Amino acid sequence: MDEDLPLGRFPEVTSGAANAENIREQLGPICALSPACLPRHGAVAYFVLVRDKGNMRKFIVVAVFLFNLCGVRAETSLPGATSPTKLVTDLYSAHRGTTNPLRYPASKKLLGAYFEKGLLSTFLKDQLESQGEVGKLDFDPLYAAQDFEIKGFSVLLVAQQKDSAEVAASFKNMGTSEKIVFLLSNTAQGWRITDIKYSDGRSLKGILK
């Protein structure tokens, strides 16, 4: 425990009547944290003095750890991309990793970090209905091919406004030049892909309809 923590100044809380909002307000200055950063759900991982109604004795109770402290949740939170280009780059990197966010069932948990809700719902629906077989999408959506040997890969920001952006991924697949354009929207969760356009005029959203 931090030795600078002023143990003698903890607020007194009547046993069984602790109010989460009051705890946040009282413990905020003590823990040098903004009240908004303190837990909003469950018990808190702080030392709180509780008054024994019988003989007014005070004792310290250690509450259980709260995984929602300062926004940290028990489940793994989705990563937030700081720019449209980074989001697309991160998606390609994750696609090449051991856990591909585009592959079912990992897509149910991971793809929401990259796809906007509408596109995500349509993509997962096709995966669920195909039940492991080839669905409406019969190629890798990031390379527009079933087989690939990628060289000269690059990601470039084409255009960006406050709430929308276009990012192009360019590469050579087995010697053939390819350019895939990602349409993105700046949502409440950060930048998310709303559609993917291919060089033959098709789009991911149009294929999945």
N, C-alpha and C. Protein backbone atom coordinates (compact mmCIF):
# COMPACT_ATOMS: atom_id res chain seq x y z
N MET A 1 0.84 -1.19 0.00
CA MET A 1 0.00 0.00 0.00
C MET A 1 0.88 1.24 0.00
N ASP A 2 0.45 2.29 -0.65
CA ASP A 2 1.19 3.54 -0.69
C ASP A 2 1.26 4.13 0.70
N GLU A 3 2.47 4.44 1.18
CA GLU A 3 2.63 4.98 2.53
C GLU A 3 2.06 6.38 2.66
N ASP A 4 1.89 7.09 1.56
CA ASP A 4 1.36 8.44 1.61
C ASP A 4 -0.15 8.48 1.71
N LEU A 5 -0.79 7.31 1.64
CA LEU A 5 -2.24 7.26 1.71
C LEU A 5 -2.69 7.65 3.11
N PRO A 6 -3.50 8.71 3.27
CA PRO A 6 -3.91 9.21 4.59
C PRO A 6 -4.97 8.32 5.23
N LEU A 7 -4.52 7.24 5.87
CA LEU A 7 -5.47 6.28 6.43
C LEU A 7 -6.37 6.91 7.48
N GLY A 8 -5.86 7.87 8.23
CA GLY A 8 -6.64 8.46 9.31
C GLY A 8 -7.77 9.34 8.84
N ARG A 9 -7.88 9.57 7.55
CA ARG A 9 -8.90 10.48 7.06
C ARG A 9 -9.94 9.80 6.20
N PHE A 10 -10.04 8.48 6.28
CA PHE A 10 -11.07 7.80 5.50
C PHE A 10 -12.46 8.21 5.97
N PRO A 11 -13.41 8.32 5.09
CA PRO A 11 -14.77 8.68 5.49
C PRO A 11 -15.43 7.55 6.25
N GLU A 12 -16.29 7.91 7.16
CA GLU A 12 -17.04 6.91 7.92
C GLU A 12 -18.32 6.58 7.16
N VAL A 13 -18.58 5.30 7.03
CA VAL A 13 -19.77 4.85 6.31
C VAL A 13 -20.52 3.88 7.19
N THR A 14 -21.80 4.13 7.39
CA THR A 14 -22.60 3.24 8.21
C THR A 14 -22.69 1.88 7.56
N SER A 15 -22.44 0.83 8.33
CA SER A 15 -22.44 -0.53 7.79
C SER A 15 -23.77 -0.84 7.13
N GLY A 16 -23.69 -1.39 5.92
CA GLY A 16 -24.88 -1.81 5.20
C GLY A 16 -25.60 -0.69 4.49
N ALA A 17 -25.10 0.53 4.59
CA ALA A 17 -25.80 1.64 3.97
C ALA A 17 -24.89 2.47 3.07
N ALA A 18 -23.81 1.86 2.62
CA ALA A 18 -22.86 2.59 1.77
C ALA A 18 -23.49 2.88 0.42
N ASN A 19 -23.33 4.11 -0.01
CA ASN A 19 -23.86 4.52 -1.30
C ASN A 19 -22.70 4.73 -2.25
N ALA A 20 -22.78 4.11 -3.45
CA ALA A 20 -21.66 4.14 -4.39
C ALA A 20 -21.28 5.55 -4.78
N GLU A 21 -22.30 6.41 -4.97
CA GLU A 21 -22.01 7.78 -5.40
C GLU A 21 -21.30 8.55 -4.30
N ASN A 22 -21.75 8.37 -3.04
CA ASN A 22 -21.11 9.04 -1.92
C ASN A 22 -19.68 8.58 -1.74
N ILE A 23 -19.46 7.28 -1.92
CA ILE A 23 -18.10 6.73 -1.79
C ILE A 23 -17.19 7.35 -2.83
N ARG A 24 -17.70 7.48 -4.05
CA ARG A 24 -16.87 8.07 -5.10
C ARG A 24 -16.48 9.48 -4.73
N GLU A 25 -17.46 10.27 -4.26
CA GLU A 25 -17.19 11.66 -3.95
C GLU A 25 -16.21 11.81 -2.79
N GLN A 26 -16.32 10.93 -1.80
CA GLN A 26 -15.47 11.04 -0.62
C GLN A 26 -14.07 10.50 -0.86
N LEU A 27 -13.97 9.44 -1.63
CA LEU A 27 -12.67 8.82 -1.84
C LEU A 27 -11.87 9.46 -2.95
N GLY A 28 -12.54 10.25 -3.82
CA GLY A 28 -11.83 10.87 -4.92
C GLY A 28 -10.62 11.67 -4.48
N PRO A 29 -10.76 12.66 -3.56
CA PRO A 29 -9.61 13.45 -3.12
C PRO A 29 -8.56 12.62 -2.41
N ILE A 30 -8.99 11.62 -1.64
CA ILE A 30 -8.05 10.82 -0.88
C ILE A 30 -7.13 10.03 -1.79
N CYS A 31 -7.70 9.47 -2.83
CA CYS A 31 -6.92 8.61 -3.71
C CYS A 31 -6.32 9.36 -4.88
N ALA A 32 -6.46 10.69 -4.87
CA ALA A 32 -5.89 11.54 -5.92
C ALA A 32 -6.39 11.13 -7.29
N LEU A 33 -7.66 10.72 -7.34
CA LEU A 33 -8.27 10.32 -8.60
C LEU A 33 -9.52 11.14 -8.82
N SER A 34 -9.82 11.37 -10.08
CA SER A 34 -11.06 12.06 -10.41
C SER A 34 -12.23 11.18 -10.02
N PRO A 35 -13.31 11.76 -9.46
CA PRO A 35 -14.49 10.94 -9.11
C PRO A 35 -15.01 10.16 -10.30
N ALA A 36 -14.86 10.72 -11.49
CA ALA A 36 -15.34 10.00 -12.69
C ALA A 36 -14.52 8.78 -12.97
N CYS A 37 -13.30 8.74 -12.40
CA CYS A 37 -12.40 7.61 -12.65
C CYS A 37 -12.62 6.50 -11.65
N LEU A 38 -13.37 6.79 -10.59
CA LEU A 38 -13.59 5.79 -9.56
C LEU A 38 -14.68 4.82 -9.99
N PRO A 39 -14.78 3.68 -9.35
CA PRO A 39 -15.71 2.62 -9.78
C PRO A 39 -17.14 3.08 -9.83
N ARG A 40 -17.84 2.58 -10.82
CA ARG A 40 -19.25 2.88 -10.97
C ARG A 40 -20.11 1.67 -10.68
N HIS A 41 -19.52 0.50 -10.55
CA HIS A 41 -20.29 -0.72 -10.32
C HIS A 41 -19.57 -1.58 -9.29
N GLY A 42 -20.34 -2.28 -8.49
CA GLY A 42 -19.75 -3.25 -7.58
C GLY A 42 -19.03 -2.62 -6.41
N ALA A 43 -18.24 -3.45 -5.70
CA ALA A 43 -17.49 -3.00 -4.55
C ALA A 43 -16.21 -2.34 -4.99
N VAL A 44 -15.60 -1.54 -4.11
CA VAL A 44 -14.39 -0.83 -4.47
C VAL A 44 -13.19 -1.42 -3.77
N ALA A 45 -12.02 -1.24 -4.37
CA ALA A 45 -10.80 -1.79 -3.81
C ALA A 45 -10.13 -0.75 -2.94
N TYR A 46 -10.85 -0.20 -2.00
CA TYR A 46 -10.31 0.80 -1.09
C TYR A 46 -10.57 0.36 0.36
N PHE A 47 -9.87 0.99 1.28
CA PHE A 47 -10.10 0.75 2.67
C PHE A 47 -11.15 1.74 3.16
N VAL A 48 -12.23 1.24 3.72
CA VAL A 48 -13.31 2.10 4.17
C VAL A 48 -13.60 1.82 5.64
N LEU A 49 -13.72 2.87 6.45
CA LEU A 49 -14.06 2.69 7.85
C LEU A 49 -15.55 2.46 7.98
N VAL A 50 -15.93 1.41 8.69
CA VAL A 50 -17.33 1.09 8.89
C VAL A 50 -17.65 1.19 10.37
N ARG A 51 -18.73 1.84 10.69
CA ARG A 51 -19.10 2.03 12.08
C ARG A 51 -19.96 0.87 12.56
N ASP A 52 -19.53 0.23 13.62
CA ASP A 52 -20.30 -0.85 14.24
C ASP A 52 -21.41 -0.20 15.06
N LYS A 53 -22.65 -0.44 14.71
CA LYS A 53 -23.79 0.20 15.38
C LYS A 53 -23.86 -0.17 16.85
N GLY A 54 -23.40 -1.37 17.20
CA GLY A 54 -23.52 -1.81 18.58
C GLY A 54 -22.66 -1.03 19.55
N ASN A 55 -21.40 -0.99 19.34
CA ASN A 55 -20.50 -0.34 20.30
C ASN A 55 -19.66 0.77 19.68
N MET A 56 -20.01 1.19 18.48
CA MET A 56 -19.36 2.32 17.82
C MET A 56 -17.89 2.07 17.56
N ARG A 57 -17.44 0.81 17.64
CA ARG A 57 -16.05 0.53 17.32
C ARG A 57 -15.84 0.67 15.83
N LYS A 58 -14.64 1.10 15.47
CA LYS A 58 -14.33 1.27 14.06
C LYS A 58 -13.33 0.20 13.63
N PHE A 59 -13.53 -0.31 12.49
CA PHE A 59 -12.57 -1.26 11.98
C PHE A 59 -12.49 -1.10 10.46
N ILE A 60 -11.40 -1.56 9.91
CA ILE A 60 -11.15 -1.39 8.48
C ILE A 60 -11.56 -2.64 7.72
N VAL A 61 -12.32 -2.43 6.69
CA VAL A 61 -12.78 -3.53 5.86
C VAL A 61 -12.16 -3.35 4.47
N VAL A 62 -11.57 -4.38 3.99
CA VAL A 62 -11.01 -4.33 2.64
C VAL A 62 -12.06 -4.86 1.67
N ALA A 63 -12.56 -4.01 0.82
CA ALA A 63 -13.57 -4.43 -0.15
C ALA A 63 -12.90 -5.21 -1.28
N VAL A 64 -13.69 -5.98 -1.96
CA VAL A 64 -13.15 -6.78 -3.06
C VAL A 64 -12.69 -5.89 -4.19
N PHE A 65 -11.74 -6.39 -4.96
CA PHE A 65 -11.20 -5.60 -6.07
C PHE A 65 -12.27 -5.41 -7.14
N LEU A 66 -12.33 -4.20 -7.63
CA LEU A 66 -13.27 -3.90 -8.71
C LEU A 66 -12.51 -3.80 -10.01
N PHE A 67 -12.91 -4.62 -10.98
CA PHE A 67 -12.19 -4.63 -12.24
C PHE A 67 -12.59 -3.47 -13.14
N ASN A 68 -13.62 -2.72 -12.71
CA ASN A 68 -14.03 -1.58 -13.52
C ASN A 68 -13.34 -0.29 -13.10
N LEU A 69 -12.37 -0.37 -12.22
CA LEU A 69 -11.68 0.81 -11.72
C LEU A 69 -11.01 1.54 -12.88
N CYS A 70 -11.32 2.85 -12.97
CA CYS A 70 -10.73 3.72 -14.01
C CYS A 70 -10.95 3.17 -15.42
N GLY A 71 -12.11 2.53 -15.62
CA GLY A 71 -12.43 2.08 -16.96
C GLY A 71 -11.88 0.72 -17.30
N VAL A 72 -11.11 0.08 -16.38
CA VAL A 72 -10.57 -1.25 -16.67
C VAL A 72 -11.61 -2.27 -16.28
N ARG A 73 -12.06 -3.07 -17.23
CA ARG A 73 -13.13 -4.04 -16.99
C ARG A 73 -12.56 -5.44 -16.86
N ALA A 74 -13.40 -6.33 -16.34
CA ALA A 74 -12.96 -7.71 -16.17
C ALA A 74 -12.68 -8.35 -17.52
N GLU A 75 -13.54 -8.07 -18.49
CA GLU A 75 -13.31 -8.62 -19.81
C GLU A 75 -12.31 -7.75 -20.55
N THR A 76 -11.67 -8.30 -21.56
CA THR A 76 -10.70 -7.54 -22.32
C THR A 76 -11.41 -6.45 -23.10
N SER A 77 -10.97 -5.22 -22.93
CA SER A 77 -11.58 -4.12 -23.64
C SER A 77 -11.06 -4.08 -25.08
N LEU A 78 -11.90 -3.52 -25.96
CA LEU A 78 -11.52 -3.44 -27.33
C LEU A 78 -10.50 -2.33 -27.53
N PRO A 79 -9.51 -2.58 -28.37
CA PRO A 79 -8.50 -1.56 -28.59
C PRO A 79 -9.05 -0.39 -29.36
N GLY A 80 -8.57 0.81 -29.05
CA GLY A 80 -9.02 1.99 -29.75
C GLY A 80 -7.94 2.51 -30.67
N ALA A 81 -8.25 2.67 -31.96
CA ALA A 81 -7.27 3.18 -32.91
C ALA A 81 -7.29 4.70 -32.89
N THR A 82 -6.12 5.29 -32.95
CA THR A 82 -6.01 6.74 -32.89
C THR A 82 -6.20 7.40 -34.24
N SER A 83 -6.17 6.63 -35.32
CA SER A 83 -6.34 7.19 -36.66
C SER A 83 -6.90 6.12 -37.59
N PRO A 84 -7.52 6.54 -38.70
CA PRO A 84 -8.05 5.56 -39.66
C PRO A 84 -6.95 4.65 -40.22
N THR A 85 -5.80 5.24 -40.51
CA THR A 85 -4.69 4.45 -41.06
C THR A 85 -4.22 3.39 -40.07
N LYS A 86 -4.14 3.76 -38.81
CA LYS A 86 -3.69 2.81 -37.79
C LYS A 86 -4.69 1.67 -37.64
N LEU A 87 -5.98 1.99 -37.71
CA LEU A 87 -6.99 0.94 -37.57
C LEU A 87 -6.84 -0.11 -38.67
N VAL A 88 -6.69 0.34 -39.92
CA VAL A 88 -6.55 -0.59 -41.04
C VAL A 88 -5.25 -1.37 -40.91
N THR A 89 -4.18 -0.68 -40.54
CA THR A 89 -2.89 -1.36 -40.35
C THR A 89 -2.97 -2.41 -39.26
N ASP A 90 -3.65 -2.06 -38.17
CA ASP A 90 -3.81 -3.00 -37.05
C ASP A 90 -4.63 -4.22 -37.47
N LEU A 91 -5.64 -4.00 -38.31
CA LEU A 91 -6.47 -5.12 -38.76
C LEU A 91 -5.64 -6.10 -39.60
N TYR A 92 -4.82 -5.59 -40.50
CA TYR A 92 -3.97 -6.46 -41.30
C TYR A 92 -2.97 -7.22 -40.41
N SER A 93 -2.43 -6.52 -39.42
CA SER A 93 -1.47 -7.17 -38.50
C SER A 93 -2.15 -8.29 -37.72
N ALA A 94 -3.37 -8.01 -37.22
CA ALA A 94 -4.11 -9.03 -36.46
C ALA A 94 -4.49 -10.20 -37.37
N HIS A 95 -4.81 -9.91 -38.61
CA HIS A 95 -5.17 -10.94 -39.58
C HIS A 95 -4.02 -11.91 -39.81
N ARG A 96 -2.80 -11.40 -39.74
CA ARG A 96 -1.62 -12.25 -39.94
C ARG A 96 -1.20 -12.97 -38.65
N GLY A 97 -1.80 -12.59 -37.53
CA GLY A 97 -1.44 -13.17 -36.24
C GLY A 97 -2.07 -14.52 -35.99
N THR A 98 -1.86 -15.01 -34.78
CA THR A 98 -2.38 -16.34 -34.42
C THR A 98 -3.89 -16.34 -34.24
N THR A 99 -4.45 -15.19 -33.84
CA THR A 99 -5.90 -15.08 -33.66
C THR A 99 -6.45 -14.10 -34.68
N ASN A 100 -7.00 -14.62 -35.75
CA ASN A 100 -7.51 -13.80 -36.84
C ASN A 100 -8.91 -13.27 -36.48
N PRO A 101 -9.08 -11.93 -36.35
CA PRO A 101 -10.39 -11.39 -35.96
C PRO A 101 -11.46 -11.58 -37.02
N LEU A 102 -11.07 -11.98 -38.23
CA LEU A 102 -12.04 -12.21 -39.29
C LEU A 102 -12.54 -13.65 -39.32
N ARG A 103 -11.90 -14.50 -38.55
CA ARG A 103 -12.26 -15.92 -38.57
C ARG A 103 -13.24 -16.24 -37.44
N TYR A 104 -14.29 -16.96 -37.79
CA TYR A 104 -15.30 -17.37 -36.81
C TYR A 104 -14.75 -18.54 -35.98
N PRO A 105 -14.95 -18.60 -34.65
CA PRO A 105 -15.79 -17.72 -33.83
C PRO A 105 -15.05 -16.53 -33.20
N ALA A 106 -13.72 -16.41 -33.44
CA ALA A 106 -12.98 -15.29 -32.85
C ALA A 106 -13.57 -13.95 -33.27
N SER A 107 -14.17 -13.91 -34.46
CA SER A 107 -14.75 -12.68 -34.98
C SER A 107 -15.84 -12.12 -34.06
N LYS A 108 -16.54 -12.99 -33.35
CA LYS A 108 -17.62 -12.54 -32.48
C LYS A 108 -17.10 -11.63 -31.37
N LYS A 109 -15.88 -11.87 -30.92
CA LYS A 109 -15.32 -11.09 -29.82
C LYS A 109 -14.37 -9.99 -30.30
N LEU A 110 -13.69 -10.23 -31.41
CA LEU A 110 -12.59 -9.34 -31.79
C LEU A 110 -12.92 -8.36 -32.92
N LEU A 111 -13.81 -8.73 -33.81
CA LEU A 111 -14.01 -7.92 -35.00
C LEU A 111 -14.68 -6.58 -34.71
N GLY A 112 -15.37 -6.48 -33.60
CA GLY A 112 -16.01 -5.22 -33.22
C GLY A 112 -15.01 -4.10 -32.96
N ALA A 113 -13.75 -4.45 -32.79
CA ALA A 113 -12.71 -3.42 -32.61
C ALA A 113 -12.35 -2.76 -33.92
N TYR A 114 -12.82 -3.33 -35.04
CA TYR A 114 -12.45 -2.83 -36.37
C TYR A 114 -13.66 -2.47 -37.23
N PHE A 115 -14.72 -3.27 -37.14
CA PHE A 115 -15.90 -3.05 -37.98
C PHE A 115 -16.96 -2.24 -37.24
N GLU A 116 -17.60 -1.36 -37.96
CA GLU A 116 -18.75 -0.62 -37.43
C GLU A 116 -19.91 -1.59 -37.22
N LYS A 117 -20.83 -1.26 -36.33
CA LYS A 117 -21.86 -2.21 -35.90
C LYS A 117 -22.67 -2.80 -37.06
N GLY A 118 -23.04 -1.96 -38.02
CA GLY A 118 -23.84 -2.46 -39.13
C GLY A 118 -23.10 -3.48 -39.98
N LEU A 119 -21.87 -3.16 -40.34
CA LEU A 119 -21.05 -4.09 -41.13
C LEU A 119 -20.72 -5.34 -40.32
N LEU A 120 -20.45 -5.15 -39.05
CA LEU A 120 -20.15 -6.29 -38.18
C LEU A 120 -21.31 -7.26 -38.11
N SER A 121 -22.51 -6.73 -37.93
CA SER A 121 -23.70 -7.58 -37.84
C SER A 121 -23.92 -8.38 -39.13
N THR A 122 -23.74 -7.72 -40.28
CA THR A 122 -23.92 -8.39 -41.57
C THR A 122 -22.86 -9.46 -41.78
N PHE A 123 -21.62 -9.15 -41.40
CA PHE A 123 -20.51 -10.08 -41.58
C PHE A 123 -20.70 -11.32 -40.70
N LEU A 124 -21.06 -11.11 -39.45
CA LEU A 124 -21.25 -12.24 -38.54
C LEU A 124 -22.47 -13.08 -38.93
N LYS A 125 -23.49 -12.44 -39.45
CA LYS A 125 -24.70 -13.15 -39.89
C LYS A 125 -24.34 -14.14 -41.00
N ASP A 126 -23.51 -13.71 -41.94
CA ASP A 126 -23.10 -14.59 -43.04
C ASP A 126 -22.26 -15.76 -42.51
N GLN A 127 -21.39 -15.47 -41.56
CA GLN A 127 -20.58 -16.54 -40.98
C GLN A 127 -21.43 -17.55 -40.23
N LEU A 128 -22.40 -17.05 -39.49
CA LEU A 128 -23.26 -17.94 -38.71
C LEU A 128 -24.13 -18.81 -39.61
N GLU A 129 -24.68 -18.22 -40.64
CA GLU A 129 -25.57 -18.96 -41.54
C GLU A 129 -24.81 -19.97 -42.39
N SER A 130 -23.54 -19.68 -42.70
CA SER A 130 -22.77 -20.61 -43.53
C SER A 130 -22.27 -21.81 -42.74
N GLN A 131 -22.28 -21.71 -41.40
CA GLN A 131 -21.92 -22.81 -40.51
C GLN A 131 -20.60 -23.49 -40.88
N GLY A 132 -19.59 -22.66 -41.06
CA GLY A 132 -18.26 -23.19 -41.35
C GLY A 132 -17.98 -23.44 -42.81
N GLU A 133 -19.01 -23.37 -43.64
CA GLU A 133 -18.83 -23.55 -45.08
C GLU A 133 -18.63 -22.18 -45.74
N VAL A 134 -18.40 -22.18 -47.04
CA VAL A 134 -18.25 -20.92 -47.77
C VAL A 134 -19.61 -20.24 -47.87
N GLY A 135 -19.68 -18.99 -47.42
CA GLY A 135 -20.92 -18.24 -47.47
C GLY A 135 -20.96 -17.33 -48.69
N LYS A 136 -21.59 -16.18 -48.52
CA LYS A 136 -21.65 -15.21 -49.62
C LYS A 136 -20.26 -14.68 -49.96
N LEU A 137 -19.41 -14.62 -48.95
CA LEU A 137 -18.05 -14.13 -49.15
C LEU A 137 -17.13 -15.32 -49.37
N ASP A 138 -16.65 -15.47 -50.60
CA ASP A 138 -15.84 -16.65 -50.93
C ASP A 138 -14.36 -16.32 -51.13
N PHE A 139 -13.91 -15.21 -50.55
CA PHE A 139 -12.50 -14.84 -50.62
C PHE A 139 -12.11 -14.06 -49.37
N ASP A 140 -10.83 -13.89 -49.16
CA ASP A 140 -10.36 -13.13 -48.01
C ASP A 140 -10.68 -11.65 -48.23
N PRO A 141 -11.45 -11.03 -47.35
CA PRO A 141 -11.89 -9.65 -47.59
C PRO A 141 -10.76 -8.62 -47.54
N LEU A 142 -9.63 -8.96 -46.98
CA LEU A 142 -8.52 -8.00 -46.90
C LEU A 142 -7.61 -8.07 -48.12
N TYR A 143 -7.70 -9.17 -48.87
CA TYR A 143 -6.82 -9.32 -50.04
C TYR A 143 -7.59 -9.58 -51.33
N ALA A 144 -8.90 -9.70 -51.23
CA ALA A 144 -9.75 -9.93 -52.40
C ALA A 144 -9.28 -11.15 -53.19
N ALA A 145 -8.89 -12.19 -52.48
CA ALA A 145 -8.41 -13.40 -53.14
C ALA A 145 -8.52 -14.58 -52.18
N GLN A 146 -8.57 -15.78 -52.74
CA GLN A 146 -8.58 -16.98 -51.91
C GLN A 146 -7.17 -17.40 -51.54
N ASP A 147 -6.26 -17.19 -52.45
CA ASP A 147 -4.85 -17.50 -52.21
C ASP A 147 -4.04 -16.23 -52.42
N PHE A 148 -3.02 -16.07 -51.62
CA PHE A 148 -2.24 -14.85 -51.78
C PHE A 148 -0.78 -15.03 -51.35
N GLU A 149 0.04 -14.29 -52.07
CA GLU A 149 1.46 -14.17 -51.77
C GLU A 149 1.79 -12.68 -51.92
N ILE A 150 1.77 -11.98 -50.79
CA ILE A 150 1.77 -10.52 -50.80
C ILE A 150 3.18 -9.94 -50.77
N LYS A 151 3.37 -8.94 -51.64
CA LYS A 151 4.62 -8.17 -51.65
C LYS A 151 4.30 -6.70 -51.86
N GLY A 152 5.19 -5.84 -51.40
CA GLY A 152 5.02 -4.40 -51.60
C GLY A 152 3.79 -3.84 -50.91
N PHE A 153 3.49 -4.31 -49.74
CA PHE A 153 2.28 -3.88 -49.01
C PHE A 153 2.46 -2.49 -48.42
N SER A 154 1.42 -1.65 -48.56
CA SER A 154 1.45 -0.31 -47.97
C SER A 154 0.03 0.14 -47.66
N VAL A 155 -0.10 1.00 -46.66
CA VAL A 155 -1.39 1.57 -46.29
C VAL A 155 -1.28 3.08 -46.34
N LEU A 156 -2.24 3.72 -47.02
CA LEU A 156 -2.15 5.17 -47.24
C LEU A 156 -3.51 5.82 -46.97
N LEU A 157 -3.49 6.95 -46.29
CA LEU A 157 -4.70 7.73 -46.07
C LEU A 157 -5.06 8.47 -47.36
N VAL A 158 -6.25 8.20 -47.88
CA VAL A 158 -6.69 8.83 -49.13
C VAL A 158 -7.39 10.15 -48.85
N ALA A 159 -8.30 10.14 -47.88
CA ALA A 159 -9.06 11.34 -47.53
C ALA A 159 -9.56 11.21 -46.11
N GLN A 160 -9.70 12.35 -45.44
CA GLN A 160 -10.22 12.32 -44.08
C GLN A 160 -10.96 13.61 -43.77
N GLN A 161 -12.15 13.46 -43.20
CA GLN A 161 -12.91 14.57 -42.66
C GLN A 161 -13.13 14.30 -41.18
N LYS A 162 -13.95 15.10 -40.55
CA LYS A 162 -14.13 14.96 -39.10
C LYS A 162 -14.69 13.59 -38.73
N ASP A 163 -15.69 13.13 -39.48
CA ASP A 163 -16.38 11.90 -39.10
C ASP A 163 -16.25 10.78 -40.12
N SER A 164 -15.45 10.96 -41.15
CA SER A 164 -15.30 9.91 -42.16
C SER A 164 -13.89 9.94 -42.74
N ALA A 165 -13.52 8.82 -43.33
CA ALA A 165 -12.18 8.73 -43.91
C ALA A 165 -12.13 7.59 -44.93
N GLU A 166 -11.15 7.66 -45.82
CA GLU A 166 -10.86 6.59 -46.77
C GLU A 166 -9.40 6.22 -46.66
N VAL A 167 -9.14 4.93 -46.56
CA VAL A 167 -7.77 4.42 -46.45
C VAL A 167 -7.58 3.35 -47.51
N ALA A 168 -6.47 3.41 -48.22
CA ALA A 168 -6.20 2.44 -49.28
C ALA A 168 -5.06 1.52 -48.89
N ALA A 169 -5.27 0.23 -49.08
CA ALA A 169 -4.20 -0.76 -48.91
C ALA A 169 -3.78 -1.21 -50.29
N SER A 170 -2.50 -1.05 -50.61
CA SER A 170 -1.98 -1.41 -51.93
C SER A 170 -0.91 -2.49 -51.78
N PHE A 171 -0.89 -3.43 -52.72
CA PHE A 171 0.08 -4.52 -52.66
C PHE A 171 0.08 -5.28 -53.98
N LYS A 172 1.00 -6.17 -54.12
CA LYS A 172 1.03 -7.10 -55.25
C LYS A 172 0.76 -8.49 -54.72
N ASN A 173 -0.22 -9.14 -55.33
CA ASN A 173 -0.57 -10.50 -54.95
C ASN A 173 -0.22 -11.43 -56.11
N MET A 174 0.80 -12.24 -55.89
CA MET A 174 1.29 -13.14 -56.94
C MET A 174 1.61 -12.38 -58.23
N GLY A 175 2.18 -11.19 -58.04
CA GLY A 175 2.61 -10.39 -59.17
C GLY A 175 1.58 -9.43 -59.71
N THR A 176 0.33 -9.54 -59.26
CA THR A 176 -0.75 -8.67 -59.75
C THR A 176 -1.00 -7.54 -58.75
N SER A 177 -0.99 -6.31 -59.23
CA SER A 177 -1.23 -5.15 -58.36
C SER A 177 -2.68 -5.11 -57.91
N GLU A 178 -2.88 -4.78 -56.65
CA GLU A 178 -4.23 -4.73 -56.07
C GLU A 178 -4.33 -3.51 -55.16
N LYS A 179 -5.50 -2.90 -55.18
CA LYS A 179 -5.77 -1.76 -54.30
C LYS A 179 -7.15 -1.94 -53.68
N ILE A 180 -7.19 -1.93 -52.36
CA ILE A 180 -8.44 -2.09 -51.63
C ILE A 180 -8.68 -0.84 -50.80
N VAL A 181 -9.88 -0.27 -50.91
CA VAL A 181 -10.20 0.98 -50.23
C VAL A 181 -11.15 0.71 -49.07
N PHE A 182 -10.77 1.20 -47.92
CA PHE A 182 -11.57 1.05 -46.70
C PHE A 182 -12.29 2.37 -46.40
N LEU A 183 -13.60 2.28 -46.22
CA LEU A 183 -14.39 3.44 -45.80
C LEU A 183 -14.57 3.36 -44.29
N LEU A 184 -14.28 4.45 -43.62
CA LEU A 184 -14.34 4.45 -42.15
C LEU A 184 -15.20 5.58 -41.63
N SER A 185 -15.75 5.36 -40.44
CA SER A 185 -16.55 6.37 -39.76
C SER A 185 -16.01 6.56 -38.35
N ASN A 186 -16.02 7.79 -37.89
CA ASN A 186 -15.54 8.09 -36.54
C ASN A 186 -16.72 7.95 -35.58
N THR A 187 -16.86 6.80 -34.96
CA THR A 187 -17.99 6.50 -34.09
C THR A 187 -17.68 6.87 -32.65
N ALA A 188 -18.65 6.62 -31.77
CA ALA A 188 -18.44 6.88 -30.35
C ALA A 188 -17.35 5.98 -29.78
N GLN A 189 -17.09 4.84 -30.42
CA GLN A 189 -16.06 3.91 -29.96
C GLN A 189 -14.72 4.17 -30.65
N GLY A 190 -14.69 5.13 -31.57
CA GLY A 190 -13.47 5.41 -32.31
C GLY A 190 -13.66 5.09 -33.78
N TRP A 191 -12.59 5.11 -34.54
CA TRP A 191 -12.68 4.82 -35.97
C TRP A 191 -13.06 3.36 -36.22
N ARG A 192 -14.04 3.16 -37.11
CA ARG A 192 -14.48 1.82 -37.46
C ARG A 192 -14.72 1.74 -38.97
N ILE A 193 -14.49 0.57 -39.54
CA ILE A 193 -14.68 0.34 -40.97
C ILE A 193 -16.16 0.12 -41.26
N THR A 194 -16.69 0.89 -42.21
CA THR A 194 -18.10 0.77 -42.57
C THR A 194 -18.30 -0.02 -43.87
N ASP A 195 -17.26 -0.09 -44.69
CA ASP A 195 -17.34 -0.88 -45.92
C ASP A 195 -15.94 -1.02 -46.51
N ILE A 196 -15.79 -2.00 -47.40
CA ILE A 196 -14.52 -2.22 -48.09
C ILE A 196 -14.82 -2.30 -49.58
N LYS A 197 -14.14 -1.49 -50.38
CA LYS A 197 -14.36 -1.47 -51.83
C LYS A 197 -13.20 -2.15 -52.54
N TYR A 198 -13.57 -2.95 -53.56
CA TYR A 198 -12.57 -3.71 -54.31
C TYR A 198 -12.41 -3.15 -55.72
N SER A 199 -11.30 -3.51 -56.35
CA SER A 199 -10.95 -2.94 -57.65
C SER A 199 -11.91 -3.37 -58.76
N ASP A 200 -12.68 -4.44 -58.56
CA ASP A 200 -13.63 -4.88 -59.59
C ASP A 200 -14.99 -4.19 -59.46
N GLY A 201 -15.09 -3.22 -58.52
CA GLY A 201 -16.32 -2.46 -58.37
C GLY A 201 -17.24 -2.97 -57.27
N ARG A 202 -16.98 -4.14 -56.75
CA ARG A 202 -17.80 -4.69 -55.68
C ARG A 202 -17.39 -4.10 -54.33
N SER A 203 -18.24 -4.27 -53.34
CA SER A 203 -17.92 -3.86 -51.98
C SER A 203 -18.29 -4.99 -51.01
N LEU A 204 -17.68 -4.99 -49.85
CA LEU A 204 -17.97 -6.05 -48.86
C LEU A 204 -19.42 -6.02 -48.43
N LYS A 205 -19.94 -4.83 -48.18
CA LYS A 205 -21.32 -4.72 -47.75
C LYS A 205 -22.28 -5.18 -48.85
N GLY A 206 -21.96 -4.85 -50.09
CA GLY A 206 -22.82 -5.28 -51.21
C GLY A 206 -22.80 -6.79 -51.41
N ILE A 207 -21.64 -7.41 -51.20
CA ILE A 207 -21.52 -8.86 -51.35
C ILE A 207 -22.34 -9.58 -50.28
N LEU A 208 -22.35 -9.03 -49.08
CA LEU A 208 -23.00 -9.69 -47.95
C LEU A 208 -24.50 -9.48 -47.87
N LYS A 209 -25.04 -8.55 -48.69
CA LYS A 209 -26.48 -8.29 -48.66
C LYS A 209 -27.27 -9.48 -49.19
